[in-house]
Amino acid sequence: TDPDELIEEFRRVRAEGYAIIDQELEIGLCSIAVPVENDRGETIAALNIGAPAAIVPAAEMKERYLKLLQETKTALRPLLR
């Protein structure tokens, strides 16, 4: 938990627009998340999909779920004031 490494990870996540965890929160759980912005572009929430690592490895999360999460957040944005 080096502060410089954490800051670099935050920068990467912000630039890519999503984050993936590989059993960091809970052994056996992988997940992917994207920020949700309101109609003014302010981040107000996140959308997350979690799956058992034995069924969906972290390496497959982006390919399987990122497009769906991005489409959902885009559909929600005009509804959030």
Protein backbone atom coordinates (compact mmCIF):
# COMPACT_ATOMS: atom_id res chain seq x y z
CA THR A 1 0.00 0.00 0.00
CA ASP A 2 2.61 2.47 -1.12
CA PRO A 3 0.97 5.92 -1.49
CA ASP A 4 2.73 6.57 -4.80
CA GLU A 5 1.52 3.24 -6.20
CA LEU A 6 -2.04 3.99 -5.09
CA ILE A 7 -1.98 7.43 -6.70
CA GLU A 8 -0.69 5.91 -9.93
CA GLU A 9 -3.48 3.30 -9.84
CA PHE A 10 -6.09 6.03 -9.28
CA ARG A 11 -4.71 7.91 -12.29
CA ARG A 12 -4.86 4.80 -14.46
CA VAL A 13 -8.43 4.03 -13.41
CA ARG A 14 -9.53 7.61 -14.06
CA ALA A 15 -7.88 7.63 -17.50
CA GLU A 16 -9.34 4.26 -18.53
CA GLY A 17 -12.79 4.95 -17.05
CA TYR A 18 -13.16 1.66 -15.21
CA ALA A 19 -11.63 -0.43 -12.44
CA ILE A 20 -11.23 -4.17 -12.04
CA ILE A 21 -10.53 -5.98 -8.81
CA ASP A 22 -9.20 -9.51 -8.64
CA GLN A 23 -10.04 -10.99 -5.25
CA GLU A 24 -8.83 -7.87 -3.42
CA LEU A 25 -12.07 -7.27 -1.55
CA GLU A 26 -12.98 -10.91 -1.01
CA ILE A 27 -11.24 -14.14 -1.94
CA GLY A 28 -13.05 -15.69 -4.89
CA LEU A 29 -14.68 -12.44 -6.10
CA CYS A 30 -13.74 -10.44 -9.20
CA SER A 31 -15.54 -7.29 -10.25
CA ILE A 32 -15.55 -4.39 -12.68
CA ALA A 33 -16.96 -0.92 -12.02
CA VAL A 34 -17.53 2.32 -13.90
CA PRO A 35 -18.40 5.77 -12.54
CA VAL A 36 -21.89 7.17 -13.09
CA GLU A 37 -22.20 10.88 -13.80
CA ASN A 38 -25.23 13.11 -13.47
CA ASP A 39 -26.45 15.43 -16.22
CA ARG A 40 -23.78 17.98 -15.16
CA GLY A 41 -20.92 15.50 -15.51
CA GLU A 42 -20.38 15.05 -11.77
CA THR A 43 -19.59 11.53 -10.57
CA ILE A 44 -22.34 10.56 -8.15
CA ALA A 45 -22.26 6.76 -8.05
CA ALA A 46 -20.75 3.66 -9.60
CA LEU A 47 -22.08 0.62 -11.42
CA ASN A 48 -20.48 -2.69 -10.54
CA ILE A 49 -20.69 -6.29 -11.71
CA GLY A 50 -19.17 -8.96 -9.51
CA ALA A 51 -18.65 -12.63 -10.31
CA PRO A 52 -17.02 -15.70 -8.80
CA ALA A 53 -13.38 -15.76 -9.92
CA ALA A 54 -13.69 -19.46 -10.70
CA ILE A 55 -16.36 -18.70 -13.31
CA VAL A 56 -15.27 -15.27 -14.61
CA PRO A 57 -11.58 -14.55 -14.10
CA ALA A 58 -10.56 -10.90 -13.71
CA ALA A 59 -8.84 -11.06 -17.10
CA GLU A 60 -12.26 -11.61 -18.74
CA MET A 61 -14.22 -8.92 -16.88
CA LYS A 62 -13.44 -6.11 -19.34
CA GLU A 63 -14.32 -8.11 -22.44
CA ARG A 64 -17.53 -9.51 -20.97
CA TYR A 65 -18.98 -6.55 -19.09
CA LEU A 66 -17.37 -3.17 -19.82
CA LYS A 67 -19.50 -2.33 -22.87
CA LEU A 68 -22.71 -3.22 -20.99
CA LEU A 69 -21.72 -1.06 -18.02
CA GLN A 70 -20.80 1.87 -20.28
CA GLU A 71 -24.11 1.63 -22.16
CA THR A 72 -26.02 1.56 -18.90
CA LYS A 73 -24.22 4.57 -17.43
CA THR A 74 -24.81 6.51 -20.66
CA ALA A 75 -28.54 5.71 -20.51
CA LEU A 76 -28.73 6.80 -16.86
CA ARG A 77 -26.92 10.14 -17.22
CA PRO A 78 -29.82 12.26 -18.57
CA LEU A 79 -32.08 10.91 -15.82
CA LEU A 80 -29.78 11.98 -12.98
CA ARG A 81 -30.14 15.58 -11.89
